[in-house]
Amino acid sequence: MASTPHRDGWPELGMAAFDTAALQSLDDPADRVDQITESLKLFAAMSRLPSSQLDVMVLRRLWNRPPETVSALLGVPLAAVRSDERHATRFLESVLCPPPPPTEGNTP
């Protein structure tokens, strides 16, 4: 986190959207643009996570490290890694996949 550029007190992860495995696997320019857009949204949401959750998500989801390795790298209990990952996942889902508005009620 110390070496990551920050904007308004939050880590700036946007440049990482241009260097992902998902992007590198695509050949079609339109698919690449869609992937960059999706990655930018994800990284913007991730930058709002508390630092412990962000560290866990980067190591678990972006670097694909097992929970035990993340625990050892961060020097925190395995239960803390799992809890941080669970809370971060819920937050990201709420931001990136909000539920549709209710459709019930009186319709004019």
C-alpha atoms as a PDB file:
ATOM      1  CA  MET A   1       0.000   0.000   0.000  1.00  0.00           C
ATOM      2  CA  ALA A   2       2.844   2.395   0.745  1.00  0.00           C
ATOM      3  CA  SER A   3       4.115   2.253  -2.843  1.00  0.00           C
ATOM      4  CA  THR A   4       0.652   2.560  -4.408  1.00  0.00           C
ATOM      5  CA  PRO A   5      -0.235   6.052  -5.640  1.00  0.00           C
ATOM      6  CA  HIS A   6      -3.122   7.583  -3.695  1.00  0.00           C
ATOM      7  CA  ARG A   7      -5.821  10.045  -4.727  1.00  0.00           C
ATOM      8  CA  ASP A   8      -7.992  11.721  -2.106  1.00  0.00           C
ATOM      9  CA  GLY A   9      -6.664   9.318   0.521  1.00  0.00           C
ATOM     10  CA  TRP A  10      -7.615   6.194  -1.451  1.00  0.00           C
ATOM     11  CA  PRO A  11      -5.237   3.917  -3.375  1.00  0.00           C
ATOM     12  CA  GLU A  12      -5.312   4.487  -7.129  1.00  0.00           C
ATOM     13  CA  LEU A  13      -5.636   1.058  -8.747  1.00  0.00           C
ATOM     14  CA  GLY A  14      -6.885   2.160 -12.172  1.00  0.00           C
ATOM     15  CA  MET A  15      -3.658   1.504 -14.060  1.00  0.00           C
ATOM     16  CA  ALA A  16      -3.858  -2.157 -12.993  1.00  0.00           C
ATOM     17  CA  ALA A  17      -6.957  -2.525 -15.206  1.00  0.00           C
ATOM     18  CA  PHE A  18      -4.675  -2.377 -18.244  1.00  0.00           C
ATOM     19  CA  ASP A  19      -2.522  -5.274 -17.032  1.00  0.00           C
ATOM     20  CA  THR A  20      -4.823  -8.155 -16.098  1.00  0.00           C
ATOM     21  CA  ALA A  21      -4.803 -11.793 -17.129  1.00  0.00           C
ATOM     22  CA  ALA A  22      -8.410 -11.430 -18.299  1.00  0.00           C
ATOM     23  CA  LEU A  23      -7.455  -8.581 -20.633  1.00  0.00           C
ATOM     24  CA  GLN A  24      -4.383 -10.347 -21.999  1.00  0.00           C
ATOM     25  CA  SER A  25      -6.491 -13.378 -22.976  1.00  0.00           C
ATOM     26  CA  LEU A  26      -8.732 -11.351 -25.311  1.00  0.00           C
ATOM     27  CA  ASP A  27      -8.033 -10.619 -28.974  1.00  0.00           C
ATOM     28  CA  ASP A  28     -11.169  -8.735 -30.049  1.00  0.00           C
ATOM     29  CA  PRO A  29     -10.788  -4.959 -29.494  1.00  0.00           C
ATOM     30  CA  ALA A  30     -14.435  -4.588 -28.406  1.00  0.00           C
ATOM     31  CA  ASP A  31     -14.038  -7.357 -25.840  1.00  0.00           C
ATOM     32  CA  ARG A  32     -10.861  -5.702 -24.575  1.00  0.00           C
ATOM     33  CA  VAL A  33     -12.668  -2.373 -24.090  1.00  0.00           C
ATOM     34  CA  ASP A  34     -15.472  -4.125 -22.201  1.00  0.00           C
ATOM     35  CA  GLN A  35     -12.922  -5.901 -19.999  1.00  0.00           C
ATOM     36  CA  ILE A  36     -11.053  -2.675 -19.246  1.00  0.00           C
ATOM     37  CA  THR A  37     -14.333  -0.995 -18.297  1.00  0.00           C
ATOM     38  CA  GLU A  38     -15.264  -3.877 -16.002  1.00  0.00           C
ATOM     39  CA  SER A  39     -11.807  -3.957 -14.417  1.00  0.00           C
ATOM     40  CA  LEU A  40     -11.829  -0.196 -13.833  1.00  0.00           C
ATOM     41  CA  LYS A  41     -15.147  -0.496 -11.977  1.00  0.00           C
ATOM     42  CA  LEU A  42     -13.848  -3.394  -9.910  1.00  0.00           C
ATOM     43  CA  PHE A  43     -10.588  -1.662  -9.001  1.00  0.00           C
ATOM     44  CA  ALA A  44     -12.381   1.588  -8.157  1.00  0.00           C
ATOM     45  CA  ALA A  45     -14.652  -0.332  -5.782  1.00  0.00           C
ATOM     46  CA  MET A  46     -11.702  -2.258  -4.340  1.00  0.00           C
ATOM     47  CA  SER A  47      -9.870   0.978  -3.599  1.00  0.00           C
ATOM     48  CA  ARG A  48     -12.661   1.840  -1.137  1.00  0.00           C
ATOM     49  CA  LEU A  49     -12.071  -1.269   0.972  1.00  0.00           C
ATOM     50  CA  PRO A  50     -10.408  -0.971   4.373  1.00  0.00           C
ATOM     51  CA  SER A  51      -6.693  -1.690   4.062  1.00  0.00           C
ATOM     52  CA  SER A  52      -6.839  -5.161   5.633  1.00  0.00           C
ATOM     53  CA  GLN A  53      -9.632  -6.234   3.266  1.00  0.00           C
ATOM     54  CA  LEU A  54      -7.863  -4.703   0.278  1.00  0.00           C
ATOM     55  CA  ASP A  55      -4.645  -6.544   1.090  1.00  0.00           C
ATOM     56  CA  VAL A  56      -6.525  -9.835   1.387  1.00  0.00           C
ATOM     57  CA  MET A  57      -8.450  -9.312  -1.853  1.00  0.00           C
ATOM     58  CA  VAL A  58      -5.339  -8.377  -3.831  1.00  0.00           C
ATOM     59  CA  LEU A  59      -3.488 -11.434  -2.599  1.00  0.00           C
ATOM     60  CA  ARG A  60      -6.442 -13.826  -2.837  1.00  0.00           C
ATOM     61  CA  ARG A  61      -8.246 -12.676  -5.988  1.00  0.00           C
ATOM     62  CA  LEU A  62      -5.652 -10.845  -8.060  1.00  0.00           C
ATOM     63  CA  TRP A  63      -2.586 -12.914  -7.194  1.00  0.00           C
ATOM     64  CA  ASN A  64      -4.559 -16.140  -6.587  1.00  0.00           C
ATOM     65  CA  ARG A  65      -2.759 -16.945  -3.325  1.00  0.00           C
ATOM     66  CA  PRO A  66      -4.314 -19.546  -0.989  1.00  0.00           C
ATOM     67  CA  PRO A  67      -5.715 -18.291   2.351  1.00  0.00           C
ATOM     68  CA  GLU A  68      -2.912 -19.960   4.305  1.00  0.00           C
ATOM     69  CA  THR A  69      -0.280 -18.113   2.290  1.00  0.00           C
ATOM     70  CA  VAL A  70      -2.115 -14.814   2.712  1.00  0.00           C
ATOM     71  CA  SER A  71      -2.294 -15.428   6.454  1.00  0.00           C
ATOM     72  CA  ALA A  72       1.441 -16.032   6.625  1.00  0.00           C
ATOM     73  CA  LEU A  73       2.326 -13.057   4.382  1.00  0.00           C
ATOM     74  CA  LEU A  74       0.169 -10.620   6.335  1.00  0.00           C
ATOM     75  CA  GLY A  75       0.950 -12.104   9.728  1.00  0.00           C
ATOM     76  CA  VAL A  76      -2.716 -12.431  10.675  1.00  0.00           C
ATOM     77  CA  PRO A  77      -4.782 -15.446  11.714  1.00  0.00           C
ATOM     78  CA  LEU A  78      -6.375 -17.534   8.972  1.00  0.00           C
ATOM     79  CA  ALA A  79      -9.793 -16.665  10.413  1.00  0.00           C
ATOM     80  CA  ALA A  80      -9.049 -12.953   9.876  1.00  0.00           C
ATOM     81  CA  VAL A  81      -8.155 -13.601   6.231  1.00  0.00           C
ATOM     82  CA  ARG A  82     -11.396 -15.486   5.673  1.00  0.00           C
ATOM     83  CA  SER A  83     -13.436 -12.830   7.463  1.00  0.00           C
ATOM     84  CA  ASP A  84     -11.811  -9.970   5.522  1.00  0.00           C
ATOM     85  CA  GLU A  85     -12.386 -11.796   2.246  1.00  0.00           C
ATOM     86  CA  ARG A  86     -16.031 -12.490   3.081  1.00  0.00           C
ATOM     87  CA  HIS A  87     -16.743  -8.877   4.103  1.00  0.00           C
ATOM     88  CA  ALA A  88     -14.889  -7.473   1.086  1.00  0.00           C
ATOM     89  CA  THR A  89     -16.752  -9.789  -1.279  1.00  0.00           C
ATOM     90  CA  ARG A  90     -20.104  -8.702   0.148  1.00  0.00           C
ATOM     91  CA  PHE A  91     -19.166  -5.040  -0.176  1.00  0.00           C
ATOM     92  CA  LEU A  92     -17.970  -5.453  -3.762  1.00  0.00           C
ATOM     93  CA  GLU A  93     -21.095  -7.380  -4.736  1.00  0.00           C
ATOM     94  CA  SER A  94     -23.288  -4.663  -3.211  1.00  0.00           C
ATOM     95  CA  VAL A  95     -21.453  -1.975  -5.177  1.00  0.00           C
ATOM     96  CA  LEU A  96     -20.999  -3.806  -8.478  1.00  0.00           C
ATOM     97  CA  CYS A  97     -24.215  -5.881  -8.536  1.00  0.00           C
ATOM     98  CA  PRO A  98     -26.898  -3.898  -6.731  1.00  0.00           C
ATOM     99  CA  PRO A  99     -30.294  -5.590  -6.508  1.00  0.00           C
ATOM    100  CA  PRO A 100     -32.895  -4.470  -9.047  1.00  0.00           C
ATOM    101  CA  PRO A 101     -35.475  -1.977  -7.836  1.00  0.00           C
ATOM    102  CA  PRO A 102     -38.709  -3.506  -6.559  1.00  0.00           C
ATOM    103  CA  THR A 103     -41.371  -3.923  -9.224  1.00  0.00           C
ATOM    104  CA  GLU A 104     -44.335  -4.525  -6.958  1.00  0.00           C
ATOM    105  CA  GLY A 105     -46.762  -1.860  -5.955  1.00  0.00           C
ATOM    106  CA  ASN A 106     -49.471   0.285  -7.460  1.00  0.00           C
ATOM    107  CA  THR A 107     -48.970   1.037 -11.096  1.00  0.00           C
ATOM    108  CA  PRO A 108     -50.883   3.958 -12.578  1.00  0.00           C
END
